[in-house]
Amino acid sequence: MTPMRALNTRTQRGITLIGLMFWAIVISMVGLVTLRVVPTINEYYTIRTAVEKVAITGGNTVPEIRAAFDRYKNIEYSITAISGKDLQVRKDNDRVIVSFAYDKEIELFGSVYLLIKYSGSSS
């Protein structure tokens, strides 16, 4: 081995500027999507809780259940996606089953949107 070659045997470590910019863009996009989606997930779980409570204590007729959901919605301000008229109510033996389904369109940037389809029912 020549002396010149012995000096250059160390390998360089680190990230290039292009690599840093790539990962910054990826992390920013994931953060943007997370910040936009988390409130809709919170709203979904609030709706699901409200539907389960209404199915148990809301009443026996469809108008009573829908009115009970609307009262719960007025108390819980985070529900904006659906109302009582969007609920499907049916009876299974002696149990009242309340179900719902809705689409949530989330604007990410410009004309790019994310569509999430939520659905659920009382047990």
PDB file of N, CA and C in Angstrom:
ATOM      1  N   MET A   1       0.827  -1.170   0.000  1.00  0.00           N
ATOM      2  CA  MET A   1       0.000   0.000   0.000  1.00  0.00           C
ATOM      3  C   MET A   1       0.877   1.241   0.000  1.00  0.00           C
ATOM      4  N   THR A   2       0.484   2.168  -0.773  1.00  0.00           N
ATOM      5  CA  THR A   2       1.248   3.402  -0.824  1.00  0.00           C
ATOM      6  C   THR A   2       0.793   4.318   0.302  1.00  0.00           C
ATOM      7  N   PRO A   3       1.630   5.243   0.744  1.00  0.00           N
ATOM      8  CA  PRO A   3       1.257   6.133   1.845  1.00  0.00           C
ATOM      9  C   PRO A   3       0.022   6.987   1.511  1.00  0.00           C
ATOM     10  N   MET A   4      -0.146   7.347   0.285  1.00  0.00           N
ATOM     11  CA  MET A   4      -1.279   8.176  -0.097  1.00  0.00           C
ATOM     12  C   MET A   4      -2.589   7.405   0.064  1.00  0.00           C
ATOM     13  N   ARG A   5      -2.576   6.159  -0.277  1.00  0.00           N
ATOM     14  CA  ARG A   5      -3.757   5.339  -0.187  1.00  0.00           C
ATOM     15  C   ARG A   5      -4.120   5.036   1.269  1.00  0.00           C
ATOM     16  N   ALA A   6      -3.175   4.961   2.114  1.00  0.00           N
ATOM     17  CA  ALA A   6      -3.423   4.676   3.521  1.00  0.00           C
ATOM     18  C   ALA A   6      -4.163   5.838   4.197  1.00  0.00           C
ATOM     19  N   LEU A   7      -3.944   7.046   3.740  1.00  0.00           N
ATOM     20  CA  LEU A   7      -4.605   8.200   4.327  1.00  0.00           C
ATOM     21  C   LEU A   7      -6.087   8.264   3.953  1.00  0.00           C
ATOM     22  N   ASN A   8      -6.504   7.721   2.821  1.00  0.00           N
ATOM     23  CA  ASN A   8      -7.867   7.833   2.338  1.00  0.00           C
ATOM     24  C   ASN A   8      -8.714   6.590   2.620  1.00  0.00           C
ATOM     25  N   THR A   9      -8.347   5.774   3.560  1.00  0.00           N
ATOM     26  CA  THR A   9      -9.106   4.548   3.808  1.00  0.00           C
ATOM     27  C   THR A   9     -10.309   4.771   4.717  1.00  0.00           C
ATOM     28  N   ARG A  10     -10.411   5.917   5.372  1.00  0.00           N
ATOM     29  CA  ARG A  10     -11.584   6.189   6.206  1.00  0.00           C
ATOM     30  C   ARG A  10     -12.789   6.466   5.326  1.00  0.00           C
ATOM     31  N   THR A  11     -13.941   5.902   5.705  1.00  0.00           N
ATOM     32  CA  THR A  11     -15.162   6.180   4.945  1.00  0.00           C
ATOM     33  C   THR A  11     -15.891   7.341   5.597  1.00  0.00           C
ATOM     34  N   GLN A  12     -16.534   8.109   4.772  1.00  0.00           N
ATOM     35  CA  GLN A  12     -17.271   9.256   5.283  1.00  0.00           C
ATOM     36  C   GLN A  12     -18.663   8.803   5.711  1.00  0.00           C
ATOM     37  N   ARG A  13     -19.157   9.428   6.761  1.00  0.00           N
ATOM     38  CA  ARG A  13     -20.501   9.149   7.248  1.00  0.00           C
ATOM     39  C   ARG A  13     -21.270  10.450   7.308  1.00  0.00           C
ATOM     40  N   GLY A  14     -22.617  10.313   7.258  1.00  0.00           N
ATOM     41  CA  GLY A  14     -23.448  11.499   7.353  1.00  0.00           C
ATOM     42  C   GLY A  14     -24.512  11.490   6.282  1.00  0.00           C
ATOM     43  N   ILE A  15     -25.228  12.578   6.241  1.00  0.00           N
ATOM     44  CA  ILE A  15     -26.338  12.707   5.300  1.00  0.00           C
ATOM     45  C   ILE A  15     -26.050  13.881   4.385  1.00  0.00           C
ATOM     46  N   THR A  16     -26.406  13.721   3.126  1.00  0.00           N
ATOM     47  CA  THR A  16     -26.186  14.805   2.177  1.00  0.00           C
ATOM     48  C   THR A  16     -27.310  15.826   2.297  1.00  0.00           C
ATOM     49  N   LEU A  17     -27.116  16.954   1.685  1.00  0.00           N
ATOM     50  CA  LEU A  17     -28.129  18.004   1.717  1.00  0.00           C
ATOM     51  C   LEU A  17     -29.398  17.540   1.001  1.00  0.00           C
ATOM     52  N   ILE A  18     -29.245  16.839  -0.097  1.00  0.00           N
ATOM     53  CA  ILE A  18     -30.411  16.330  -0.823  1.00  0.00           C
ATOM     54  C   ILE A  18     -31.141  15.291   0.027  1.00  0.00           C
ATOM     55  N   GLY A  19     -30.418  14.430   0.690  1.00  0.00           N
ATOM     56  CA  GLY A  19     -31.037  13.445   1.583  1.00  0.00           C
ATOM     57  C   GLY A  19     -31.766  14.119   2.735  1.00  0.00           C
ATOM     58  N   LEU A  20     -31.172  15.160   3.289  1.00  0.00           N
ATOM     59  CA  LEU A  20     -31.810  15.910   4.370  1.00  0.00           C
ATOM     60  C   LEU A  20     -33.100  16.574   3.895  1.00  0.00           C
ATOM     61  N   MET A  21     -33.068  17.164   2.711  1.00  0.00           N
ATOM     62  CA  MET A  21     -34.273  17.800   2.168  1.00  0.00           C
ATOM     63  C   MET A  21     -35.355  16.760   1.876  1.00  0.00           C
ATOM     64  N   PHE A  22     -34.974  15.605   1.352  1.00  0.00           N
ATOM     65  CA  PHE A  22     -35.938  14.543   1.082  1.00  0.00           C
ATOM     66  C   PHE A  22     -36.649  14.119   2.366  1.00  0.00           C
ATOM     67  N   TRP A  23     -35.889  13.852   3.419  1.00  0.00           N
ATOM     68  CA  TRP A  23     -36.503  13.404   4.675  1.00  0.00           C
ATOM     69  C   TRP A  23     -37.307  14.515   5.335  1.00  0.00           C
ATOM     70  N   ALA A  24     -36.899  15.770   5.164  1.00  0.00           N
ATOM     71  CA  ALA A  24     -37.682  16.883   5.707  1.00  0.00           C
ATOM     72  C   ALA A  24     -39.042  16.972   5.012  1.00  0.00           C
ATOM     73  N   ILE A  25     -39.072  16.762   3.710  1.00  0.00           N
ATOM     74  CA  ILE A  25     -40.337  16.787   2.963  1.00  0.00           C
ATOM     75  C   ILE A  25     -41.223  15.619   3.384  1.00  0.00           C
ATOM     76  N   VAL A  26     -40.650  14.436   3.509  1.00  0.00           N
ATOM     77  CA  VAL A  26     -41.427  13.254   3.910  1.00  0.00           C
ATOM     78  C   VAL A  26     -42.015  13.447   5.304  1.00  0.00           C
ATOM     79  N   ILE A  27     -41.214  13.899   6.237  1.00  0.00           N
ATOM     80  CA  ILE A  27     -41.688  14.097   7.612  1.00  0.00           C
ATOM     81  C   ILE A  27     -42.732  15.209   7.661  1.00  0.00           C
ATOM     82  N   SER A  28     -42.552  16.266   6.876  1.00  0.00           N
ATOM     83  CA  SER A  28     -43.546  17.345   6.833  1.00  0.00           C
ATOM     84  C   SER A  28     -44.882  16.860   6.288  1.00  0.00           C
ATOM     85  N   MET A  29     -44.860  16.048   5.239  1.00  0.00           N
ATOM     86  CA  MET A  29     -46.095  15.521   4.664  1.00  0.00           C
ATOM     87  C   MET A  29     -46.814  14.600   5.657  1.00  0.00           C
ATOM     88  N   VAL A  30     -46.077  13.742   6.331  1.00  0.00           N
ATOM     89  CA  VAL A  30     -46.683  12.864   7.337  1.00  0.00           C
ATOM     90  C   VAL A  30     -47.278  13.700   8.466  1.00  0.00           C
ATOM     91  N   GLY A  31     -46.583  14.732   8.896  1.00  0.00           N
ATOM     92  CA  GLY A  31     -47.090  15.618   9.938  1.00  0.00           C
ATOM     93  C   GLY A  31     -48.349  16.350   9.503  1.00  0.00           C
ATOM     94  N   LEU A  32     -48.373  16.823   8.258  1.00  0.00           N
ATOM     95  CA  LEU A  32     -49.551  17.524   7.736  1.00  0.00           C
ATOM     96  C   LEU A  32     -50.768  16.601   7.716  1.00  0.00           C
ATOM     97  N   VAL A  33     -50.591  15.403   7.194  1.00  0.00           N
ATOM     98  CA  VAL A  33     -51.700  14.447   7.135  1.00  0.00           C
ATOM     99  C   VAL A  33     -52.168  14.099   8.544  1.00  0.00           C
ATOM    100  N   THR A  34     -51.245  13.891   9.457  1.00  0.00           N
ATOM    101  CA  THR A  34     -51.607  13.562  10.838  1.00  0.00           C
ATOM    102  C   THR A  34     -52.401  14.692  11.482  1.00  0.00           C
ATOM    103  N   LEU A  35     -51.940  15.920  11.316  1.00  0.00           N
ATOM    104  CA  LEU A  35     -52.646  17.058  11.913  1.00  0.00           C
ATOM    105  C   LEU A  35     -54.037  17.264  11.325  1.00  0.00           C
ATOM    106  N   ARG A  36     -54.244  16.891  10.083  1.00  0.00           N
ATOM    107  CA  ARG A  36     -55.552  17.054   9.454  1.00  0.00           C
ATOM    108  C   ARG A  36     -56.496  15.890   9.773  1.00  0.00           C
ATOM    109  N   VAL A  37     -55.943  14.683   9.982  1.00  0.00           N
ATOM    110  CA  VAL A  37     -56.769  13.492  10.164  1.00  0.00           C
ATOM    111  C   VAL A  37     -57.176  13.274  11.623  1.00  0.00           C
ATOM    112  N   VAL A  38     -56.326  13.591  12.575  1.00  0.00           N
ATOM    113  CA  VAL A  38     -56.603  13.316  13.986  1.00  0.00           C
ATOM    114  C   VAL A  38     -57.920  13.942  14.471  1.00  0.00           C
ATOM    115  N   PRO A  39     -58.257  15.180  14.127  1.00  0.00           N
ATOM    116  CA  PRO A  39     -59.557  15.710  14.570  1.00  0.00           C
ATOM    117  C   PRO A  39     -60.753  14.929  14.017  1.00  0.00           C
ATOM    118  N   THR A  40     -60.657  14.407  12.800  1.00  0.00           N
ATOM    119  CA  THR A  40     -61.773  13.631  12.255  1.00  0.00           C
ATOM    120  C   THR A  40     -61.904  12.285  12.955  1.00  0.00           C
ATOM    121  N   ILE A  41     -60.786  11.704  13.364  1.00  0.00           N
ATOM    122  CA  ILE A  41     -60.839  10.454  14.128  1.00  0.00           C
ATOM    123  C   ILE A  41     -61.464  10.707  15.489  1.00  0.00           C
ATOM    124  N   ASN A  42     -61.111  11.814  16.117  1.00  0.00           N
ATOM    125  CA  ASN A  42     -61.711  12.185  17.399  1.00  0.00           C
ATOM    126  C   ASN A  42     -63.219  12.375  17.249  1.00  0.00           C
ATOM    127  N   GLU A  43     -63.647  13.036  16.166  1.00  0.00           N
ATOM    128  CA  GLU A  43     -65.070  13.233  15.923  1.00  0.00           C
ATOM    129  C   GLU A  43     -65.779  11.894  15.711  1.00  0.00           C
ATOM    130  N   TYR A  44     -65.145  10.971  14.987  1.00  0.00           N
ATOM    131  CA  TYR A  44     -65.737   9.654  14.758  1.00  0.00           C
ATOM    132  C   TYR A  44     -65.983   8.921  16.074  1.00  0.00           C
ATOM    133  N   TYR A  45     -64.988   8.926  16.958  1.00  0.00           N
ATOM    134  CA  TYR A  45     -65.158   8.244  18.246  1.00  0.00           C
ATOM    135  C   TYR A  45     -66.219   8.932  19.111  1.00  0.00           C
ATOM    136  N   THR A  46     -66.341  10.239  19.012  1.00  0.00           N
ATOM    137  CA  THR A  46     -67.404  10.954  19.728  1.00  0.00           C
ATOM    138  C   THR A  46     -68.773  10.570  19.190  1.00  0.00           C
ATOM    139  N   ILE A  47     -68.895  10.480  17.877  1.00  0.00           N
ATOM    140  CA  ILE A  47     -70.161  10.064  17.266  1.00  0.00           C
ATOM    141  C   ILE A  47     -70.497   8.637  17.669  1.00  0.00           C
ATOM    142  N   ARG A  48     -69.510   7.773  17.647  1.00  0.00           N
ATOM    143  CA  ARG A  48     -69.748   6.370  18.022  1.00  0.00           C
ATOM    144  C   ARG A  48     -70.217   6.251  19.466  1.00  0.00           C
ATOM    145  N   THR A  49     -69.613   7.017  20.365  1.00  0.00           N
ATOM    146  CA  THR A  49     -70.040   7.025  21.765  1.00  0.00           C
ATOM    147  C   THR A  49     -71.460   7.545  21.891  1.00  0.00           C
ATOM    148  N   ALA A  50     -71.776   8.618  21.174  1.00  0.00           N
ATOM    149  CA  ALA A  50     -73.123   9.189  21.223  1.00  0.00           C
ATOM    150  C   ALA A  50     -74.152   8.200  20.691  1.00  0.00           C
ATOM    151  N   VAL A  51     -73.838   7.502  19.629  1.00  0.00           N
ATOM    152  CA  VAL A  51     -74.761   6.530  19.052  1.00  0.00           C
ATOM    153  C   VAL A  51     -75.003   5.378  20.019  1.00  0.00           C
ATOM    154  N   GLU A  52     -73.958   4.915  20.685  1.00  0.00           N
ATOM    155  CA  GLU A  52     -74.134   3.830  21.657  1.00  0.00           C
ATOM    156  C   GLU A  52     -75.001   4.270  22.831  1.00  0.00           C
ATOM    157  N   LYS A  53     -74.791   5.498  23.321  1.00  0.00           N
ATOM    158  CA  LYS A  53     -75.619   6.004  24.427  1.00  0.00           C
ATOM    159  C   LYS A  53     -77.067   6.197  23.996  1.00  0.00           C
ATOM    160  N   VAL A  54     -77.271   6.729  22.798  1.00  0.00           N
ATOM    161  CA  VAL A  54     -78.622   6.974  22.302  1.00  0.00           C
ATOM    162  C   VAL A  54     -79.358   5.655  22.065  1.00  0.00           C
ATOM    163  N   ALA A  55     -78.641   4.648  21.595  1.00  0.00           N
ATOM    164  CA  ALA A  55     -79.288   3.356  21.346  1.00  0.00           C
ATOM    165  C   ALA A  55     -79.775   2.724  22.642  1.00  0.00           C
ATOM    166  N   ILE A  56     -79.075   2.981  23.736  1.00  0.00           N
ATOM    167  CA  ILE A  56     -79.463   2.395  25.023  1.00  0.00           C
ATOM    168  C   ILE A  56     -80.565   3.206  25.692  1.00  0.00           C
ATOM    169  N   THR A  57     -80.417   4.535  25.715  1.00  0.00           N
ATOM    170  CA  THR A  57     -81.329   5.362  26.508  1.00  0.00           C
ATOM    171  C   THR A  57     -82.138   6.362  25.692  1.00  0.00           C
ATOM    172  N   GLY A  58     -82.060   6.313  24.375  1.00  0.00           N
ATOM    173  CA  GLY A  58     -82.677   7.346  23.552  1.00  0.00           C
ATOM    174  C   GLY A  58     -84.168   7.246  23.370  1.00  0.00           C
ATOM    175  N   GLY A  59     -84.724   6.068  23.482  1.00  0.00           N
ATOM    176  CA  GLY A  59     -86.157   5.899  23.268  1.00  0.00           C
ATOM    177  C   GLY A  59     -86.425   4.653  22.463  1.00  0.00           C
ATOM    178  N   ASN A  60     -87.684   4.492  22.065  1.00  0.00           N
ATOM    179  CA  ASN A  60     -88.068   3.298  21.331  1.00  0.00           C
ATOM    180  C   ASN A  60     -88.473   3.568  19.890  1.00  0.00           C
ATOM    181  N   THR A  61     -88.747   4.815  19.561  1.00  0.00           N
ATOM    182  CA  THR A  61     -89.147   5.135  18.196  1.00  0.00           C
ATOM    183  C   THR A  61     -88.014   5.857  17.478  1.00  0.00           C
ATOM    184  N   VAL A  62     -88.088   5.840  16.168  1.00  0.00           N
ATOM    185  CA  VAL A  62     -87.054   6.483  15.356  1.00  0.00           C
ATOM    186  C   VAL A  62     -86.969   7.986  15.637  1.00  0.00           C
ATOM    187  N   PRO A  63     -88.083   8.729  15.689  1.00  0.00           N
ATOM    188  CA  PRO A  63     -87.977  10.169  15.985  1.00  0.00           C
ATOM    189  C   PRO A  63     -87.385  10.449  17.371  1.00  0.00           C
ATOM    190  N   GLU A  64     -87.710   9.623  18.360  1.00  0.00           N
ATOM    191  CA  GLU A  64     -87.144   9.817  19.704  1.00  0.00           C
ATOM    192  C   GLU A  64     -85.634   9.627  19.687  1.00  0.00           C
ATOM    193  N   ILE A  65     -85.164   8.611  18.997  1.00  0.00           N
ATOM    194  CA  ILE A  65     -83.724   8.342  18.933  1.00  0.00           C
ATOM    195  C   ILE A  65     -83.003   9.452  18.186  1.00  0.00           C
ATOM    196  N   ARG A  66     -83.567   9.901  17.086  1.00  0.00           N
ATOM    197  CA  ARG A  66     -82.938  10.997  16.334  1.00  0.00           C
ATOM    198  C   ARG A  66     -82.929  12.293  17.127  1.00  0.00           C
ATOM    199  N   ALA A  67     -84.004  12.575  17.860  1.00  0.00           N
ATOM    200  CA  ALA A  67     -84.045  13.773  18.704  1.00  0.00           C
ATOM    201  C   ALA A  67     -83.032  13.668  19.837  1.00  0.00           C
ATOM    202  N   ALA A  68     -82.888  12.472  20.418  1.00  0.00           N
ATOM    203  CA  ALA A  68     -81.898  12.286  21.486  1.00  0.00           C
ATOM    204  C   ALA A  68     -80.485  12.497  20.962  1.00  0.00           C
ATOM    205  N   PHE A  69     -80.216  12.022  19.750  1.00  0.00           N
ATOM    206  CA  PHE A  69     -78.889  12.247  19.165  1.00  0.00           C
ATOM    207  C   PHE A  69     -78.645  13.732  18.927  1.00  0.00           C
ATOM    208  N   ASP A  70     -79.654  14.434  18.427  1.00  0.00           N
ATOM    209  CA  ASP A  70     -79.498  15.876  18.189  1.00  0.00           C
ATOM    210  C   ASP A  70     -79.267  16.636  19.495  1.00  0.00           C
ATOM    211  N   ARG A  71     -79.923  16.211  20.577  1.00  0.00           N
ATOM    212  CA  ARG A  71     -79.661  16.841  21.885  1.00  0.00           C
ATOM    213  C   ARG A  71     -78.228  16.576  22.322  1.00  0.00           C
ATOM    214  N   TYR A  72     -77.750  15.350  22.139  1.00  0.00           N
ATOM    215  CA  TYR A  72     -76.366  15.016  22.503  1.00  0.00           C
ATOM    216  C   TYR A  72     -75.394  15.812  21.633  1.00  0.00           C
ATOM    217  N   LYS A  73     -75.736  15.978  20.366  1.00  0.00           N
ATOM    218  CA  LYS A  73     -74.892  16.751  19.443  1.00  0.00           C
ATOM    219  C   LYS A  73     -74.793  18.210  19.869  1.00  0.00           C
ATOM    220  N   ASN A  74     -75.889  18.774  20.378  1.00  0.00           N
ATOM    221  CA  ASN A  74     -75.864  20.166  20.840  1.00  0.00           C
ATOM    222  C   ASN A  74     -74.991  20.336  22.076  1.00  0.00           C
ATOM    223  N   ILE A  75     -74.898  19.304  22.884  1.00  0.00           N
ATOM    224  CA  ILE A  75     -74.031  19.358  24.065  1.00  0.00           C
ATOM    225  C   ILE A  75     -72.575  19.166  23.676  1.00  0.00           C
ATOM    226  N   GLU A  76     -72.324  18.219  22.796  1.00  0.00           N
ATOM    227  CA  GLU A  76     -70.965  17.884  22.366  1.00  0.00           C
ATOM    228  C   GLU A  76     -70.674  18.625  21.068  1.00  0.00           C
ATOM    229  N   TYR A  77     -69.968  19.737  21.157  1.00  0.00           N
ATOM    230  CA  TYR A  77     -69.782  20.610  20.001  1.00  0.00           C
ATOM    231  C   TYR A  77     -68.835  20.061  18.943  1.00  0.00           C
ATOM    232  N   SER A  78     -68.144  18.959  19.220  1.00  0.00           N
ATOM    233  CA  SER A  78     -67.197  18.443  18.240  1.00  0.00           C
ATOM    234  C   SER A  78     -67.868  17.624  17.143  1.00  0.00           C
ATOM    235  N   ILE A  79     -69.169  17.382  17.233  1.00  0.00           N
ATOM    236  CA  ILE A  79     -69.878  16.626  16.195  1.00  0.00           C
ATOM    237  C   ILE A  79     -70.447  17.611  15.174  1.00  0.00           C
ATOM    238  N   THR A  80     -69.884  17.593  13.969  1.00  0.00           N
ATOM    239  CA  THR A  80     -70.375  18.441  12.897  1.00  0.00           C
ATOM    240  C   THR A  80     -70.674  17.648  11.627  1.00  0.00           C
ATOM    241  N   ALA A  81     -70.250  16.412  11.554  1.00  0.00           N
ATOM    242  CA  ALA A  81     -70.344  15.645  10.314  1.00  0.00           C
ATOM    243  C   ALA A  81     -71.742  15.114  10.033  1.00  0.00           C
ATOM    244  N   ILE A  82     -72.487  14.732  11.074  1.00  0.00           N
ATOM    245  CA  ILE A  82     -73.815  14.155  10.856  1.00  0.00           C
ATOM    246  C   ILE A  82     -74.807  14.751  11.838  1.00  0.00           C
ATOM    247  N   SER A  83     -76.071  14.485  11.575  1.00  0.00           N
ATOM    248  CA  SER A  83     -77.140  14.898  12.490  1.00  0.00           C
ATOM    249  C   SER A  83     -78.060  13.705  12.704  1.00  0.00           C
ATOM    250  N   GLY A  84     -79.109  13.913  13.448  1.00  0.00           N
ATOM    251  CA  GLY A  84     -80.037  12.835  13.755  1.00  0.00           C
ATOM    252  C   GLY A  84     -80.703  12.240  12.532  1.00  0.00           C
ATOM    253  N   LYS A  85     -80.939  13.050  11.509  1.00  0.00           N
ATOM    254  CA  LYS A  85     -81.602  12.538  10.304  1.00  0.00           C
ATOM    255  C   LYS A  85     -80.703  11.606   9.496  1.00  0.00           C
ATOM    256  N   ASP A  86     -79.386  11.620   9.757  1.00  0.00           N
ATOM    257  CA  ASP A  86     -78.457  10.751   9.044  1.00  0.00           C
ATOM    258  C   ASP A  86     -78.338   9.353   9.667  1.00  0.00           C
ATOM    259  N   LEU A  87     -78.977   9.149  10.793  1.00  0.00           N
ATOM    260  CA  LEU A  87     -78.896   7.859  11.481  1.00  0.00           C
ATOM    261  C   LEU A  87     -79.862   6.858  10.858  1.00  0.00           C
ATOM    262  N   GLN A  88     -79.438   5.604  10.771  1.00  0.00           N
ATOM    263  CA  GLN A  88     -80.320   4.515  10.367  1.00  0.00           C
ATOM    264  C   GLN A  88     -80.665   3.741  11.631  1.00  0.00           C
ATOM    265  N   VAL A  89     -81.958   3.608  11.896  1.00  0.00           N
ATOM    266  CA  VAL A  89     -82.414   2.964  13.125  1.00  0.00           C
ATOM    267  C   VAL A  89     -83.224   1.729  12.735  1.00  0.00           C
ATOM    268  N   ARG A  90     -82.900   0.607  13.391  1.00  0.00           N
ATOM    269  CA  ARG A  90     -83.661  -0.616  13.169  1.00  0.00           C
ATOM    270  C   ARG A  90     -83.742  -1.395  14.469  1.00  0.00           C
ATOM    271  N   LYS A  91     -84.653  -2.318  14.528  1.00  0.00           N
ATOM    272  CA  LYS A  91     -84.800  -3.163  15.713  1.00  0.00           C
ATOM    273  C   LYS A  91     -84.349  -4.569  15.366  1.00  0.00           C
ATOM    274  N   ASP A  92     -83.567  -5.141  16.246  1.00  0.00           N
ATOM    275  CA  ASP A  92     -83.133  -6.524  16.115  1.00  0.00           C
ATOM    276  C   ASP A  92     -83.616  -7.242  17.368  1.00  0.00           C
ATOM    277  N   ASN A  93     -84.676  -8.035  17.236  1.00  0.00           N
ATOM    278  CA  ASN A  93     -85.391  -8.624  18.377  1.00  0.00           C
ATOM    279  C   ASN A  93     -85.923  -7.491  19.247  1.00  0.00           C
ATOM    280  N   ASP A  94     -85.437  -7.348  20.462  1.00  0.00           N
ATOM    281  CA  ASP A  94     -85.896  -6.261  21.333  1.00  0.00           C
ATOM    282  C   ASP A  94     -84.872  -5.141  21.457  1.00  0.00           C
ATOM    283  N   ARG A  95     -83.762  -5.256  20.765  1.00  0.00           N
ATOM    284  CA  ARG A  95     -82.710  -4.239  20.846  1.00  0.00           C
ATOM    285  C   ARG A  95     -82.824  -3.247  19.709  1.00  0.00           C
ATOM    286  N   VAL A  96     -82.530  -2.001  20.024  1.00  0.00           N
ATOM    287  CA  VAL A  96     -82.498  -0.946  19.006  1.00  0.00           C
ATOM    288  C   VAL A  96     -81.063  -0.850  18.499  1.00  0.00           C
ATOM    289  N   ILE A  97     -80.904  -0.947  17.191  1.00  0.00           N
ATOM    290  CA  ILE A  97     -79.589  -0.829  16.560  1.00  0.00           C
ATOM    291  C   ILE A  97     -79.572   0.480  15.772  1.00  0.00           C
ATOM    292  N   VAL A  98     -78.621   1.334  16.115  1.00  0.00           N
ATOM    293  CA  VAL A  98     -78.460   2.623  15.432  1.00  0.00           C
ATOM    294  C   VAL A  98     -77.140   2.571  14.679  1.00  0.00           C
ATOM    295  N   SER A  99     -77.190   2.869  13.391  1.00  0.00           N
ATOM    296  CA  SER A  99     -75.962   2.861  12.594  1.00  0.00           C
ATOM    297  C   SER A  99     -75.831   4.189  11.842  1.00  0.00           C
ATOM    298  N   PHE A 100     -74.614   4.451  11.418  1.00  0.00           N
ATOM    299  CA  PHE A 100     -74.325   5.694  10.700  1.00  0.00           C
ATOM    300  C   PHE A 100     -73.194   5.443   9.720  1.00  0.00           C
ATOM    301  N   ALA A 101     -73.130   6.265   8.709  1.00  0.00           N
ATOM    302  CA  ALA A 101     -72.038   6.243   7.734  1.00  0.00           C
ATOM    303  C   ALA A 101     -71.928   7.630   7.121  1.00  0.00           C
ATOM    304  N   TYR A 102     -70.705   8.081   6.971  1.00  0.00           N
ATOM    305  CA  TYR A 102     -70.485   9.389   6.350  1.00  0.00           C
ATOM    306  C   TYR A 102     -69.081   9.454   5.768  1.00  0.00           C
ATOM    307  N   ASP A 103     -68.895  10.369   4.838  1.00  0.00           N
ATOM    308  CA  ASP A 103     -67.595  10.603   4.212  1.00  0.00           C
ATOM    309  C   ASP A 103     -67.025  11.912   4.727  1.00  0.00           C
ATOM    310  N   LYS A 104     -65.735  11.922   4.951  1.00  0.00           N
ATOM    311  CA  LYS A 104     -65.064  13.149   5.386  1.00  0.00           C
ATOM    312  C   LYS A 104     -63.980  13.469   4.360  1.00  0.00           C
ATOM    313  N   GLU A 105     -64.076  14.637   3.768  1.00  0.00           N
ATOM    314  CA  GLU A 105     -63.118  15.092   2.775  1.00  0.00           C
ATOM    315  C   GLU A 105     -62.187  16.097   3.437  1.00  0.00           C
ATOM    316  N   ILE A 106     -60.891  15.823   3.399  1.00  0.00           N
ATOM    317  CA  ILE A 106     -59.906  16.655   4.080  1.00  0.00           C
ATOM    318  C   ILE A 106     -58.990  17.280   3.035  1.00  0.00           C
ATOM    319  N   GLU A 107     -58.947  18.605   3.015  1.00  0.00           N
ATOM    320  CA  GLU A 107     -58.068  19.300   2.083  1.00  0.00           C
ATOM    321  C   GLU A 107     -56.639  19.263   2.627  1.00  0.00           C
ATOM    322  N   LEU A 108     -55.717  18.741   1.833  1.00  0.00           N
ATOM    323  CA  LEU A 108     -54.321  18.711   2.254  1.00  0.00           C
ATOM    324  C   LEU A 108     -53.591  19.963   1.783  1.00  0.00           C
ATOM    325  N   PHE A 109     -53.590  20.189   0.490  1.00  0.00           N
ATOM    326  CA  PHE A 109     -53.029  21.419  -0.070  1.00  0.00           C
ATOM    327  C   PHE A 109     -53.510  21.557  -1.506  1.00  0.00           C
ATOM    328  N   GLY A 110     -53.799  22.776  -1.904  1.00  0.00           N
ATOM    329  CA  GLY A 110     -54.257  23.028  -3.267  1.00  0.00           C
ATOM    330  C   GLY A 110     -55.502  22.229  -3.588  1.00  0.00           C
ATOM    331  N   SER A 111     -55.432  21.465  -4.652  1.00  0.00           N
ATOM    332  CA  SER A 111     -56.580  20.645  -5.050  1.00  0.00           C
ATOM    333  C   SER A 111     -56.392  19.180  -4.669  1.00  0.00           C
ATOM    334  N   VAL A 112     -55.553  18.922  -3.672  1.00  0.00           N
ATOM    335  CA  VAL A 112     -55.316  17.556  -3.203  1.00  0.00           C
ATOM    336  C   VAL A 112     -56.134  17.329  -1.941  1.00  0.00           C
ATOM    337  N   TYR A 113     -57.009  16.314  -1.994  1.00  0.00           N
ATOM    338  CA  TYR A 113     -57.895  15.993  -0.881  1.00  0.00           C
ATOM    339  C   TYR A 113     -57.694  14.552  -0.469  1.00  0.00           C
ATOM    340  N   LEU A 114     -58.024  14.286   0.781  1.00  0.00           N
ATOM    341  CA  LEU A 114     -58.016  12.927   1.322  1.00  0.00           C
ATOM    342  C   LEU A 114     -59.448  12.598   1.691  1.00  0.00           C
ATOM    343  N   LEU A 115     -59.970  11.480   1.195  1.00  0.00           N
ATOM    344  CA  LEU A 115     -61.341  11.065   1.482  1.00  0.00           C
ATOM    345  C   LEU A 115     -61.304   9.884   2.441  1.00  0.00           C
ATOM    346  N   ILE A 116     -62.003  10.038   3.576  1.00  0.00           N
ATOM    347  CA  ILE A 116     -62.091   8.968   4.560  1.00  0.00           C
ATOM    348  C   ILE A 116     -63.563   8.623   4.708  1.00  0.00           C
ATOM    349  N   LYS A 117     -63.885   7.346   4.669  1.00  0.00           N
ATOM    350  CA  LYS A 117     -65.261   6.873   4.825  1.00  0.00           C
ATOM    351  C   LYS A 117     -65.398   6.261   6.218  1.00  0.00           C
ATOM    352  N   TYR A 118     -66.218   6.885   7.034  1.00  0.00           N
ATOM    353  CA  TYR A 118     -66.465   6.401   8.389  1.00  0.00           C
ATOM    354  C   TYR A 118     -67.820   5.719   8.447  1.00  0.00           C
ATOM    355  N   SER A 119     -67.919   4.663   9.229  1.00  0.00           N
ATOM    356  CA  SER A 119     -69.201   4.016   9.477  1.00  0.00           C
ATOM    357  C   SER A 119     -69.125   3.296  10.819  1.00  0.00           C
ATOM    358  N   GLY A 120     -70.280   3.098  11.411  1.00  0.00           N
ATOM    359  CA  GLY A 120     -70.322   2.401  12.687  1.00  0.00           C
ATOM    360  C   GLY A 120     -71.748   2.146  13.100  1.00  0.00           C
ATOM    361  N   SER A 121     -71.904   1.382  14.164  1.00  0.00           N
ATOM    362  CA  SER A 121     -73.242   1.106  14.683  1.00  0.00           C
ATOM    363  C   SER A 121     -73.145   0.753  16.153  1.00  0.00           C
ATOM    364  N   SER A 122     -74.285   0.836  16.804  1.00  0.00           N
ATOM    365  CA  SER A 122     -74.331   0.427  18.205  1.00  0.00           C
ATOM    366  C   SER A 122     -74.352  -1.097  18.267  1.00  0.00           C
ATOM    367  N   SER A 123     -73.851  -1.627  19.327  1.00  0.00           N
ATOM    368  CA  SER A 123     -73.782  -3.085  19.443  1.00  0.00           C
ATOM    369  C   SER A 123     -75.017  -3.664  20.033  1.00  0.00           C
TER     370      SER A 123
END
